[in-house]
Structures are given as C-alpha cells and as structure tokens.
C-alpha cells in the first residue's frame, strides 16, 4: 500500500528538522575539541623543577600534586607572569592576598584583604601563626615568603587542604581560593589535564 504524499512530505520535513537541530550541536562539539587541542599545544608544560615541590607538598597536606600544578598554571603560568603583584594586591606565584597569607586577624585587615602589613611581619612565621594565616616557611630559611616558589606552593597546599581538598572536595576548595565560577572551571580543566597526563606517564 502506497503512503499518502502528504504523510511522506511530513516525514521528510521531520527528518530535515532533526538535521537542522543537530547542526549547532555538531559545530559546538567540533569547536570545543579544536579549542582543547589548540590549548594543549600552546600551554606551557609543567616545569620539572616544580614537580618535586608539588609532590612534597602533597605528602604533607594531602592535596593532589596536579591540583597544585593547576593552581600554579592558572595564577601565574608557573611563575612566568610579570609583575608578581596583581592590581588588587595579590602577591607571588600563587597570588595570595596579604591578609590571607598573614591572617585576617591582623589589625590592618579588612575589605578585599590587601591590608597594611609591615614587610617584617608579612614573612614572619610567628606573626602568621598569631593571626591565623596560611603562609608557610617551606624551605626553612626562617621566612614565609609569598614570592618564594616553594613557600607559596606549600602555603597554597595548606589553604586548599584546610578548605576541603585533602578530603576530595577539590571544587569546594578551589572556589574558596577564588570565589569565581569561571576560575573554578579553568582550574578544574588543568586538574583533569594534569591528572590524565600523570596517569599516562605512570602507565608507560
């Protein structure tokens, strides 16, 4: 039995509608795959000199090394951005606000956390302990320096650990570090990328 022409026409039109609806999905998928491949090719690789610091910090604070690497990449492209002080006052390789590094209990701390902390206090472990900051003297030179790579990375690990990263709450910790959904998405992109690369190297 031959189908009515009108029914055939409706069936063809439905098929065309599905194709039209799928086009944006296909285009967007291709774009994201292309963008990810380009990003992988243009992004700097993790410098070898930092891997041992990430791993050492992971052992102490329980924060996965690839999470620390992701933060380092997003904050200052592995300490290659100049200057190391942002317009809002964030400092060093891991971009700590002074009041977060030294402690919000410091009498000068308010607002965004730039504070008015004397330089001698800003790197003093005893002062940081007194005011409840996250700064760490990782290299044992008697100073917790936000501009020192090892001190900064350990301080970031300290912060992330106390905000849930050591218990697997990575996104929660990242959001605590910077209250921006865009920032979280960017860091998590590199978390997944570096974790995948680490697993691939380990399986070889």
N, C-alpha and C. Protein backbone atom coordinates (compact mmCIF):
# COMPACT_ATOMS: atom_id res chain seq x y z
N UNK A 1 0.85 -1.20 0.00
CA UNK A 1 0.00 0.00 0.00
C UNK A 1 0.88 1.25 0.00
N UNK A 2 0.64 2.16 -0.91
CA UNK A 2 1.46 3.37 -1.03
C UNK A 2 1.03 4.40 0.00
N UNK A 3 2.03 5.03 0.66
CA UNK A 3 1.75 6.06 1.66
C UNK A 3 1.25 7.32 0.98
N UNK A 4 0.36 8.04 1.64
CA UNK A 4 -0.13 9.32 1.08
C UNK A 4 1.04 10.28 0.92
N UNK A 5 0.96 11.11 -0.12
CA UNK A 5 2.03 12.06 -0.40
C UNK A 5 2.23 13.05 0.74
N UNK A 6 1.13 13.46 1.36
CA UNK A 6 1.24 14.43 2.47
C UNK A 6 1.99 13.82 3.63
N UNK A 7 1.77 12.52 3.90
CA UNK A 7 2.45 11.84 5.02
C UNK A 7 3.94 11.74 4.73
N UNK A 8 4.26 11.42 3.44
CA UNK A 8 5.66 11.33 3.03
C UNK A 8 6.36 12.67 3.22
N UNK A 9 5.64 13.72 2.87
CA UNK A 9 6.21 15.07 2.97
C UNK A 9 6.49 15.44 4.41
N UNK A 10 5.54 15.11 5.32
CA UNK A 10 5.71 15.40 6.74
C UNK A 10 6.90 14.64 7.30
N UNK A 11 7.07 13.38 6.88
CA UNK A 11 8.18 12.55 7.37
C UNK A 11 9.51 13.15 6.93
N UNK A 12 9.56 13.62 5.66
CA UNK A 12 10.80 14.23 5.17
C UNK A 12 11.11 15.51 5.93
N UNK A 13 10.05 16.29 6.21
CA UNK A 13 10.24 17.55 6.93
C UNK A 13 10.75 17.32 8.35
N UNK A 14 10.22 16.25 9.00
CA UNK A 14 10.70 15.94 10.35
C UNK A 14 12.18 15.57 10.32
N UNK A 15 12.56 14.82 9.29
CA UNK A 15 13.96 14.44 9.16
C UNK A 15 14.85 15.65 8.98
N UNK A 16 14.39 16.61 8.17
CA UNK A 16 15.15 17.84 7.95
C UNK A 16 15.26 18.64 9.24
N UNK A 17 14.16 18.67 10.02
CA UNK A 17 14.16 19.41 11.29
C UNK A 17 15.22 18.88 12.24
N UNK A 18 15.31 17.54 12.34
CA UNK A 18 16.31 16.93 13.22
C UNK A 18 17.73 17.27 12.78
N UNK A 19 17.94 17.29 11.45
CA UNK A 19 19.27 17.62 10.93
C UNK A 19 19.63 19.06 11.28
N UNK A 20 18.65 19.97 11.11
CA UNK A 20 18.87 21.38 11.44
C UNK A 20 19.19 21.55 12.92
N UNK A 21 18.47 20.82 13.77
CA UNK A 21 18.70 20.92 15.21
C UNK A 21 20.06 20.36 15.62
N UNK A 22 20.54 19.37 14.89
CA UNK A 22 21.82 18.74 15.23
C UNK A 22 23.02 19.57 14.79
N UNK A 23 22.85 20.43 13.80
CA UNK A 23 23.97 21.19 13.26
C UNK A 23 24.68 22.02 14.33
N UNK A 24 23.93 22.81 15.17
CA UNK A 24 24.64 23.59 16.20
C UNK A 24 25.40 22.71 17.19
N UNK A 25 24.83 21.54 17.52
CA UNK A 25 25.49 20.63 18.45
C UNK A 25 26.80 20.12 17.86
N UNK A 26 26.77 19.75 16.59
CA UNK A 26 27.96 19.24 15.91
C UNK A 26 29.03 20.34 15.81
N UNK A 27 28.59 21.54 15.45
CA UNK A 27 29.51 22.67 15.31
C UNK A 27 30.17 23.00 16.64
N UNK A 28 29.36 23.05 17.72
CA UNK A 28 29.89 23.36 19.05
C UNK A 28 30.86 22.29 19.53
N UNK A 29 30.52 21.03 19.29
CA UNK A 29 31.39 19.93 19.70
C UNK A 29 32.74 20.02 18.99
N UNK A 30 32.68 20.28 17.69
CA UNK A 30 33.92 20.41 16.92
C UNK A 30 34.75 21.58 17.41
N UNK A 31 34.06 22.69 17.76
CA UNK A 31 34.78 23.87 18.25
C UNK A 31 35.50 23.58 19.55
N UNK A 32 34.81 22.93 20.50
CA UNK A 32 35.42 22.66 21.79
C UNK A 32 36.58 21.69 21.68
N UNK A 33 36.46 20.69 20.79
CA UNK A 33 37.55 19.74 20.58
C UNK A 33 38.75 20.46 19.98
N UNK A 34 38.48 21.32 18.99
CA UNK A 34 39.54 22.10 18.35
C UNK A 34 40.21 23.03 19.35
N UNK A 35 39.39 23.73 20.17
CA UNK A 35 39.93 24.66 21.15
C UNK A 35 40.79 23.93 22.18
N UNK A 36 40.34 22.75 22.62
CA UNK A 36 41.10 22.00 23.62
C UNK A 36 42.43 21.54 23.05
N UNK A 37 42.42 21.10 21.78
CA UNK A 37 43.67 20.65 21.16
C UNK A 37 44.65 21.81 21.00
N UNK A 38 44.13 22.97 20.59
CA UNK A 38 44.98 24.16 20.45
C UNK A 38 45.56 24.55 21.80
N UNK A 39 44.71 24.51 22.85
CA UNK A 39 45.15 24.91 24.18
C UNK A 39 46.25 23.99 24.69
N UNK A 40 46.10 22.70 24.41
CA UNK A 40 47.11 21.73 24.84
C UNK A 40 48.46 22.01 24.16
N UNK A 41 48.39 22.42 22.89
CA UNK A 41 49.63 22.65 22.14
C UNK A 41 50.31 23.94 22.56
N UNK A 42 49.53 24.95 22.93
CA UNK A 42 50.10 26.25 23.24
C UNK A 42 50.41 26.44 24.71
N UNK A 43 49.80 25.66 25.60
CA UNK A 43 50.04 25.83 27.03
C UNK A 43 51.43 25.34 27.40
N UNK A 44 52.06 26.04 28.35
CA UNK A 44 53.37 25.57 28.79
C UNK A 44 53.26 24.27 29.57
N UNK A 45 54.24 23.41 29.38
CA UNK A 45 54.29 22.17 30.14
C UNK A 45 54.70 22.49 31.58
N UNK A 46 54.39 21.59 32.50
CA UNK A 46 54.77 21.79 33.89
C UNK A 46 56.30 21.73 33.97
N UNK A 47 56.94 22.78 34.43
CA UNK A 47 58.41 22.75 34.56
C UNK A 47 58.84 21.67 35.56
N UNK A 48 59.85 20.92 35.20
CA UNK A 48 60.32 19.82 36.03
C UNK A 48 60.69 20.27 37.44
N UNK A 49 61.23 21.48 37.55
CA UNK A 49 61.70 21.95 38.86
C UNK A 49 60.58 22.10 39.89
N UNK A 50 59.32 22.17 39.40
CA UNK A 50 58.22 22.33 40.34
C UNK A 50 57.57 21.01 40.76
N UNK A 51 57.77 19.97 39.97
CA UNK A 51 57.12 18.69 40.26
C UNK A 51 57.48 18.16 41.65
N UNK A 52 58.74 18.24 41.98
CA UNK A 52 59.17 17.73 43.29
C UNK A 52 58.54 18.54 44.43
N UNK A 53 58.33 19.83 44.21
CA UNK A 53 57.70 20.67 45.24
C UNK A 53 56.23 20.29 45.40
N UNK A 54 55.54 20.10 44.27
CA UNK A 54 54.13 19.68 44.34
C UNK A 54 53.99 18.36 45.09
N UNK A 55 54.86 17.42 44.75
CA UNK A 55 54.79 16.08 45.36
C UNK A 55 55.12 16.12 46.85
N UNK A 56 56.08 16.94 47.22
CA UNK A 56 56.44 17.08 48.63
C UNK A 56 55.28 17.71 49.41
N UNK A 57 54.67 18.72 48.82
CA UNK A 57 53.53 19.38 49.47
C UNK A 57 52.33 18.42 49.59
N UNK A 58 52.16 17.57 48.57
CA UNK A 58 51.08 16.59 48.61
C UNK A 58 51.24 15.64 49.80
N UNK A 59 52.47 15.22 50.04
CA UNK A 59 52.72 14.30 51.16
C UNK A 59 52.37 14.93 52.51
N UNK A 60 52.63 16.21 52.64
CA UNK A 60 52.39 16.89 53.92
C UNK A 60 50.93 17.31 54.10
N UNK A 61 50.32 17.82 53.03
CA UNK A 61 48.98 18.41 53.16
C UNK A 61 47.85 17.57 52.56
N UNK A 62 48.21 16.54 51.81
CA UNK A 62 47.18 15.67 51.25
C UNK A 62 46.46 16.23 50.05
N UNK A 63 46.98 17.31 49.48
CA UNK A 63 46.39 17.90 48.28
C UNK A 63 47.09 17.33 47.05
N UNK A 64 46.36 16.71 46.12
CA UNK A 64 47.00 16.10 44.95
C UNK A 64 47.92 17.06 44.21
N UNK A 65 49.05 16.55 43.77
CA UNK A 65 50.06 17.38 43.11
C UNK A 65 49.49 18.11 41.91
N UNK A 66 48.58 17.42 41.17
CA UNK A 66 48.06 18.02 39.94
C UNK A 66 47.10 19.18 40.24
N UNK A 67 46.54 19.21 41.44
CA UNK A 67 45.70 20.35 41.85
C UNK A 67 46.59 21.58 42.09
N UNK A 68 47.73 21.35 42.73
CA UNK A 68 48.68 22.45 42.96
C UNK A 68 49.25 22.95 41.64
N UNK A 69 49.54 22.03 40.74
CA UNK A 69 50.06 22.42 39.43
C UNK A 69 49.02 23.25 38.67
N UNK A 70 47.77 22.85 38.75
CA UNK A 70 46.70 23.57 38.07
C UNK A 70 46.57 25.00 38.60
N UNK A 71 46.63 25.14 39.91
CA UNK A 71 46.56 26.48 40.51
C UNK A 71 47.74 27.34 40.06
N UNK A 72 48.91 26.75 40.09
CA UNK A 72 50.13 27.47 39.71
C UNK A 72 50.03 27.93 38.26
N UNK A 73 49.52 27.05 37.40
CA UNK A 73 49.35 27.38 35.97
C UNK A 73 48.37 28.54 35.78
N UNK A 74 47.24 28.47 36.45
CA UNK A 74 46.22 29.49 36.26
C UNK A 74 46.63 30.83 36.88
N UNK A 75 47.24 30.77 38.04
CA UNK A 75 47.59 32.01 38.73
C UNK A 75 48.68 32.81 38.03
N UNK A 76 49.78 32.17 37.69
CA UNK A 76 50.92 32.93 37.12
C UNK A 76 51.65 32.19 36.00
N UNK A 77 50.98 31.23 35.38
CA UNK A 77 51.62 30.44 34.32
C UNK A 77 53.00 29.94 34.77
N UNK A 78 53.00 29.29 35.92
CA UNK A 78 54.21 28.71 36.51
C UNK A 78 55.28 29.78 36.77
N UNK A 79 54.83 30.84 37.44
CA UNK A 79 55.73 31.92 37.89
C UNK A 79 56.40 32.69 36.76
N UNK A 80 55.76 32.74 35.60
CA UNK A 80 56.36 33.47 34.47
C UNK A 80 55.70 34.82 34.23
N UNK A 81 54.59 35.10 34.89
CA UNK A 81 53.91 36.37 34.67
C UNK A 81 54.59 37.50 35.44
N UNK A 82 54.65 38.63 34.81
CA UNK A 82 55.25 39.82 35.45
C UNK A 82 54.26 40.97 35.32
N UNK A 83 54.09 41.78 36.37
CA UNK A 83 54.70 41.63 37.68
C UNK A 83 54.00 40.55 38.50
N UNK A 84 54.57 40.23 39.64
CA UNK A 84 54.00 39.19 40.50
C UNK A 84 53.03 39.77 41.54
N UNK A 85 52.59 40.98 41.29
CA UNK A 85 51.57 41.61 42.16
C UNK A 85 50.42 42.05 41.27
N UNK A 86 49.21 41.59 41.59
CA UNK A 86 48.05 41.93 40.78
C UNK A 86 47.54 43.33 41.13
N UNK A 87 46.66 43.90 40.30
CA UNK A 87 46.09 45.22 40.60
C UNK A 87 45.34 45.26 41.93
N UNK A 88 44.83 44.11 42.38
CA UNK A 88 44.10 44.08 43.66
C UNK A 88 45.01 43.85 44.85
N UNK A 89 46.29 43.54 44.57
CA UNK A 89 47.24 43.35 45.66
C UNK A 89 47.64 41.92 45.94
N UNK A 90 47.13 40.95 45.14
CA UNK A 90 47.53 39.55 45.31
C UNK A 90 49.00 39.40 44.93
N UNK A 91 49.72 38.58 45.70
CA UNK A 91 51.17 38.52 45.57
C UNK A 91 51.73 37.13 45.25
N UNK A 92 52.83 37.15 44.51
CA UNK A 92 53.63 35.94 44.33
C UNK A 92 53.10 34.91 43.35
N UNK A 93 53.81 33.79 43.25
CA UNK A 93 53.47 32.73 42.30
C UNK A 93 52.06 32.17 42.44
N UNK A 94 51.54 32.15 43.67
CA UNK A 94 50.20 31.61 43.90
C UNK A 94 49.18 32.69 44.23
N UNK A 95 49.58 33.95 44.06
CA UNK A 95 48.70 35.10 44.16
C UNK A 95 47.87 35.15 45.46
N UNK A 96 48.57 35.20 46.57
CA UNK A 96 47.92 35.33 47.88
C UNK A 96 47.64 36.80 48.20
N UNK A 97 46.45 37.08 48.70
CA UNK A 97 46.21 38.39 49.29
C UNK A 97 46.96 38.42 50.61
N UNK A 98 47.59 39.54 50.95
CA UNK A 98 48.38 39.62 52.19
C UNK A 98 47.64 39.16 53.44
N UNK A 99 46.37 39.50 53.55
CA UNK A 99 45.62 39.13 54.76
C UNK A 99 45.32 37.63 54.82
N UNK A 100 45.23 36.99 53.67
CA UNK A 100 45.04 35.53 53.66
C UNK A 100 46.35 34.85 54.04
N UNK A 101 47.44 35.41 53.58
CA UNK A 101 48.75 34.83 53.85
C UNK A 101 49.15 35.00 55.33
N UNK A 102 48.96 36.22 55.84
CA UNK A 102 49.36 36.52 57.22
C UNK A 102 48.25 36.20 58.23
N UNK A 103 47.02 36.40 57.82
CA UNK A 103 45.90 36.11 58.72
C UNK A 103 44.94 37.29 58.83
N UNK A 104 43.66 36.99 58.72
CA UNK A 104 42.64 38.04 58.74
C UNK A 104 42.47 38.68 60.11
N UNK A 105 43.09 38.09 61.11
CA UNK A 105 43.00 38.69 62.45
C UNK A 105 43.98 39.85 62.62
N UNK A 106 44.83 40.04 61.63
CA UNK A 106 45.77 41.16 61.70
C UNK A 106 44.95 42.46 61.75
N UNK A 107 45.31 43.39 62.64
CA UNK A 107 44.51 44.60 62.84
C UNK A 107 44.31 45.46 61.60
N UNK A 108 45.15 45.31 60.58
CA UNK A 108 45.01 46.15 59.37
C UNK A 108 44.12 45.50 58.31
N UNK A 109 43.66 44.28 58.56
CA UNK A 109 42.95 43.53 57.53
C UNK A 109 41.45 43.81 57.50
N UNK A 110 40.97 44.09 56.29
CA UNK A 110 39.54 44.29 56.05
C UNK A 110 39.33 44.31 54.53
N UNK A 111 38.10 44.45 54.11
CA UNK A 111 37.80 44.56 52.68
C UNK A 111 38.27 43.37 51.87
N UNK A 112 39.02 43.65 50.81
CA UNK A 112 39.49 42.59 49.92
C UNK A 112 40.71 41.84 50.46
N UNK A 113 41.31 42.38 51.52
CA UNK A 113 42.43 41.66 52.14
C UNK A 113 43.81 42.16 51.80
N UNK A 114 43.90 43.38 51.27
CA UNK A 114 45.22 43.92 50.97
C UNK A 114 45.95 44.29 52.26
N UNK A 115 45.21 44.87 53.21
CA UNK A 115 45.79 45.22 54.49
C UNK A 115 46.90 46.24 54.39
N UNK A 116 47.51 46.50 55.51
CA UNK A 116 48.67 47.39 55.58
C UNK A 116 49.68 46.75 56.53
N UNK A 117 50.16 45.60 56.09
CA UNK A 117 51.02 44.77 56.94
C UNK A 117 52.49 45.11 56.71
N UNK A 118 53.23 45.46 57.76
CA UNK A 118 54.67 45.76 57.60
C UNK A 118 55.40 44.56 56.99
N UNK A 119 56.39 44.83 56.17
CA UNK A 119 57.12 43.77 55.46
C UNK A 119 57.73 42.75 56.43
N UNK A 120 58.23 43.22 57.55
CA UNK A 120 58.87 42.30 58.51
C UNK A 120 57.84 41.33 59.11
N UNK A 121 56.58 41.76 59.21
CA UNK A 121 55.52 40.90 59.75
C UNK A 121 54.97 39.95 58.70
N UNK A 122 54.99 40.41 57.46
CA UNK A 122 54.38 39.64 56.37
C UNK A 122 55.05 38.29 56.14
N UNK A 123 56.32 38.18 56.48
CA UNK A 123 57.06 36.93 56.24
C UNK A 123 57.47 36.23 57.54
N UNK A 124 56.98 36.73 58.67
CA UNK A 124 57.36 36.18 59.97
C UNK A 124 56.42 35.03 60.36
N UNK A 125 56.93 33.78 60.40
CA UNK A 125 56.08 32.64 60.75
C UNK A 125 55.36 32.80 62.08
N UNK A 126 56.00 33.45 63.04
CA UNK A 126 55.38 33.64 64.36
C UNK A 126 54.17 34.58 64.26
N UNK A 127 54.31 35.62 63.47
CA UNK A 127 53.21 36.56 63.26
C UNK A 127 52.07 35.88 62.51
N UNK A 128 52.43 35.10 61.51
CA UNK A 128 51.42 34.37 60.71
C UNK A 128 50.65 33.40 61.61
N UNK A 129 51.35 32.71 62.47
CA UNK A 129 50.70 31.80 63.40
C UNK A 129 49.77 32.55 64.35
N UNK A 130 50.22 33.69 64.82
CA UNK A 130 49.44 34.51 65.74
C UNK A 130 48.12 34.96 65.12
N UNK A 131 48.15 35.34 63.85
CA UNK A 131 46.96 35.89 63.21
C UNK A 131 46.19 34.86 62.37
N UNK A 132 46.62 33.60 62.43
CA UNK A 132 45.87 32.54 61.76
C UNK A 132 45.98 32.51 60.26
N UNK A 133 47.15 32.93 59.73
CA UNK A 133 47.34 32.93 58.27
C UNK A 133 47.73 31.57 57.73
N UNK A 134 47.86 31.50 56.42
CA UNK A 134 48.19 30.24 55.74
C UNK A 134 49.64 30.19 55.25
N UNK A 135 50.38 31.27 55.44
CA UNK A 135 51.77 31.30 54.98
C UNK A 135 52.64 30.24 55.63
N UNK A 136 53.52 29.64 54.83
CA UNK A 136 54.38 28.55 55.29
C UNK A 136 55.84 28.82 54.91
N UNK A 137 56.73 28.57 55.86
CA UNK A 137 58.16 28.62 55.58
C UNK A 137 58.58 27.21 55.14
N UNK A 138 58.47 26.94 53.86
CA UNK A 138 58.71 25.59 53.35
C UNK A 138 60.18 25.26 53.17
N UNK A 139 61.00 26.27 52.92
CA UNK A 139 62.42 25.99 52.67
C UNK A 139 63.30 26.16 53.91
N UNK A 140 62.65 26.48 55.04
CA UNK A 140 63.38 26.52 56.30
C UNK A 140 64.37 27.66 56.45
N UNK A 141 64.13 28.78 55.75
CA UNK A 141 65.07 29.90 55.88
C UNK A 141 64.62 30.92 56.94
N UNK A 142 63.57 30.56 57.67
CA UNK A 142 63.08 31.45 58.72
C UNK A 142 62.06 32.46 58.26
N UNK A 143 61.72 32.43 56.95
CA UNK A 143 60.71 33.35 56.42
C UNK A 143 59.65 32.58 55.62
N UNK A 144 58.41 33.02 55.76
CA UNK A 144 57.32 32.51 54.92
C UNK A 144 57.08 33.58 53.86
N UNK A 145 57.67 33.39 52.71
CA UNK A 145 57.70 34.43 51.69
C UNK A 145 56.72 34.14 50.56
N UNK A 146 55.70 34.97 50.37
CA UNK A 146 54.72 34.72 49.30
C UNK A 146 55.31 34.80 47.90
N UNK A 147 56.54 35.37 47.79
CA UNK A 147 57.20 35.48 46.49
C UNK A 147 58.18 34.34 46.23
N UNK A 148 58.37 33.49 47.23
CA UNK A 148 59.24 32.33 47.08
C UNK A 148 58.40 31.15 46.56
N UNK A 149 58.86 30.51 45.50
CA UNK A 149 58.06 29.45 44.87
C UNK A 149 57.66 28.35 45.85
N UNK A 150 58.62 27.82 46.58
CA UNK A 150 58.32 26.71 47.48
C UNK A 150 57.41 27.15 48.62
N UNK A 151 57.69 28.29 49.22
CA UNK A 151 56.84 28.81 50.29
C UNK A 151 55.41 29.03 49.78
N UNK A 152 55.30 29.61 48.59
CA UNK A 152 53.99 29.92 48.03
C UNK A 152 53.19 28.66 47.72
N UNK A 153 53.85 27.66 47.14
CA UNK A 153 53.16 26.41 46.79
C UNK A 153 52.71 25.67 48.04
N UNK A 154 53.58 25.62 49.04
CA UNK A 154 53.21 24.97 50.30
C UNK A 154 52.07 25.73 51.00
N UNK A 155 52.11 27.04 50.91
CA UNK A 155 51.06 27.86 51.51
C UNK A 155 49.72 27.61 50.81
N UNK A 156 49.76 27.47 49.49
CA UNK A 156 48.55 27.16 48.73
C UNK A 156 48.02 25.78 49.13
N UNK A 157 48.93 24.83 49.28
CA UNK A 157 48.53 23.48 49.70
C UNK A 157 47.91 23.52 51.09
N UNK A 158 48.47 24.32 51.97
CA UNK A 158 47.94 24.50 53.32
C UNK A 158 46.50 25.04 53.26
N UNK A 159 46.32 26.07 52.44
CA UNK A 159 45.00 26.68 52.30
C UNK A 159 43.97 25.71 51.70
N UNK A 160 44.35 25.08 50.60
CA UNK A 160 43.43 24.15 49.92
C UNK A 160 43.09 22.96 50.81
N UNK A 161 44.07 22.47 51.54
CA UNK A 161 43.86 21.34 52.45
C UNK A 161 42.81 21.68 53.50
N UNK A 162 42.95 22.85 54.10
CA UNK A 162 42.04 23.26 55.17
C UNK A 162 40.66 23.65 54.65
N UNK A 163 40.53 23.76 53.33
CA UNK A 163 39.24 24.09 52.74
C UNK A 163 38.62 22.91 51.98
N UNK A 164 39.13 21.70 52.25
CA UNK A 164 38.46 20.51 51.74
C UNK A 164 39.19 19.68 50.71
N UNK A 165 40.26 20.21 50.10
CA UNK A 165 40.93 19.47 49.02
C UNK A 165 41.54 18.16 49.50
N UNK A 166 42.02 18.12 50.73
CA UNK A 166 42.63 16.89 51.26
C UNK A 166 41.60 15.79 51.46
N UNK A 167 40.33 16.18 51.53
CA UNK A 167 39.23 15.21 51.70
C UNK A 167 38.48 14.95 50.40
N UNK A 168 39.08 15.36 49.29
CA UNK A 168 38.46 15.10 47.99
C UNK A 168 37.51 16.18 47.52
N UNK A 169 37.31 17.22 48.32
CA UNK A 169 36.40 18.30 47.93
C UNK A 169 37.18 19.37 47.15
N UNK A 170 37.62 18.97 45.98
CA UNK A 170 38.51 19.82 45.19
C UNK A 170 37.82 21.11 44.74
N UNK A 171 36.65 20.98 44.13
CA UNK A 171 35.97 22.17 43.61
C UNK A 171 35.60 23.15 44.73
N UNK A 172 35.21 22.62 45.86
CA UNK A 172 34.88 23.47 47.02
C UNK A 172 36.11 24.26 47.44
N UNK A 173 37.25 23.60 47.50
CA UNK A 173 38.50 24.25 47.90
C UNK A 173 38.93 25.29 46.88
N UNK A 174 38.77 24.97 45.60
CA UNK A 174 39.15 25.90 44.54
C UNK A 174 38.28 27.16 44.60
N UNK A 175 36.99 26.97 44.86
CA UNK A 175 36.08 28.11 44.97
C UNK A 175 36.42 28.97 46.18
N UNK A 176 36.86 28.33 47.26
CA UNK A 176 37.27 29.08 48.44
C UNK A 176 38.51 29.93 48.13
N UNK A 177 39.38 29.40 47.28
CA UNK A 177 40.61 30.10 46.89
C UNK A 177 40.29 31.36 46.08
N UNK A 178 39.29 31.24 45.22
CA UNK A 178 38.87 32.38 44.40
C UNK A 178 37.38 32.22 44.11
N UNK A 179 36.58 33.12 44.63
CA UNK A 179 35.12 32.99 44.51
C UNK A 179 34.62 33.36 43.12
N UNK A 180 35.02 32.57 42.15
CA UNK A 180 34.61 32.79 40.77
C UNK A 180 34.37 31.45 40.10
N UNK A 181 33.20 31.27 39.53
CA UNK A 181 32.88 30.02 38.84
C UNK A 181 33.76 29.84 37.61
N UNK A 182 34.09 30.94 36.96
CA UNK A 182 34.98 30.87 35.79
C UNK A 182 36.36 30.38 36.21
N UNK A 183 36.82 30.89 37.35
CA UNK A 183 38.13 30.48 37.88
C UNK A 183 38.11 28.98 38.20
N UNK A 184 37.05 28.53 38.84
CA UNK A 184 36.93 27.11 39.19
C UNK A 184 36.98 26.25 37.93
N UNK A 185 36.24 26.67 36.90
CA UNK A 185 36.22 25.91 35.64
C UNK A 185 37.59 25.82 35.02
N UNK A 186 38.32 26.94 35.06
CA UNK A 186 39.66 26.97 34.45
C UNK A 186 40.62 26.08 35.22
N UNK A 187 40.60 26.17 36.55
CA UNK A 187 41.49 25.33 37.36
C UNK A 187 41.14 23.86 37.18
N UNK A 188 39.86 23.54 37.17
CA UNK A 188 39.45 22.13 37.04
C UNK A 188 39.82 21.56 35.67
N UNK A 189 39.85 22.40 34.65
CA UNK A 189 40.30 21.95 33.34
C UNK A 189 41.73 21.43 33.43
N UNK A 190 42.60 22.21 34.09
CA UNK A 190 44.00 21.80 34.22
C UNK A 190 44.18 20.67 35.22
N UNK A 191 43.33 20.62 36.23
CA UNK A 191 43.36 19.48 37.16
C UNK A 191 43.17 18.18 36.39
N UNK A 192 42.14 18.15 35.55
CA UNK A 192 41.86 16.93 34.76
C UNK A 192 42.98 16.65 33.76
N UNK A 193 43.49 17.71 33.13
CA UNK A 193 44.54 17.54 32.14
C UNK A 193 45.81 16.97 32.76
N UNK A 194 46.25 17.55 33.88
CA UNK A 194 47.49 17.10 34.51
C UNK A 194 47.33 15.73 35.17
N UNK A 195 46.15 15.47 35.69
CA UNK A 195 45.89 14.15 36.27
C UNK A 195 45.97 13.08 35.19
N UNK A 196 45.38 13.38 34.04
CA UNK A 196 45.40 12.44 32.91
C UNK A 196 46.82 12.21 32.43
N UNK A 197 47.59 13.31 32.30
CA UNK A 197 48.97 13.19 31.85
C UNK A 197 49.80 12.38 32.84
N UNK A 198 49.54 12.59 34.13
CA UNK A 198 50.26 11.84 35.16
C UNK A 198 49.95 10.36 35.10
N UNK A 199 48.69 10.01 34.87
CA UNK A 199 48.30 8.61 34.77
C UNK A 199 48.91 7.96 33.54
N UNK A 200 48.96 8.71 32.44
CA UNK A 200 49.53 8.18 31.21
C UNK A 200 51.02 7.90 31.37
N UNK A 201 51.73 8.80 32.05
CA UNK A 201 53.17 8.61 32.29
C UNK A 201 53.42 7.43 33.20
N UNK A 202 52.54 7.28 34.22
CA UNK A 202 52.70 6.19 35.19
C UNK A 202 52.46 4.83 34.56
N UNK A 203 51.61 4.79 33.51
CA UNK A 203 51.27 3.51 32.88
C UNK A 203 52.30 3.07 31.84
N UNK A 204 53.23 3.97 31.51
CA UNK A 204 54.25 3.63 30.48
C UNK A 204 55.41 2.85 31.09
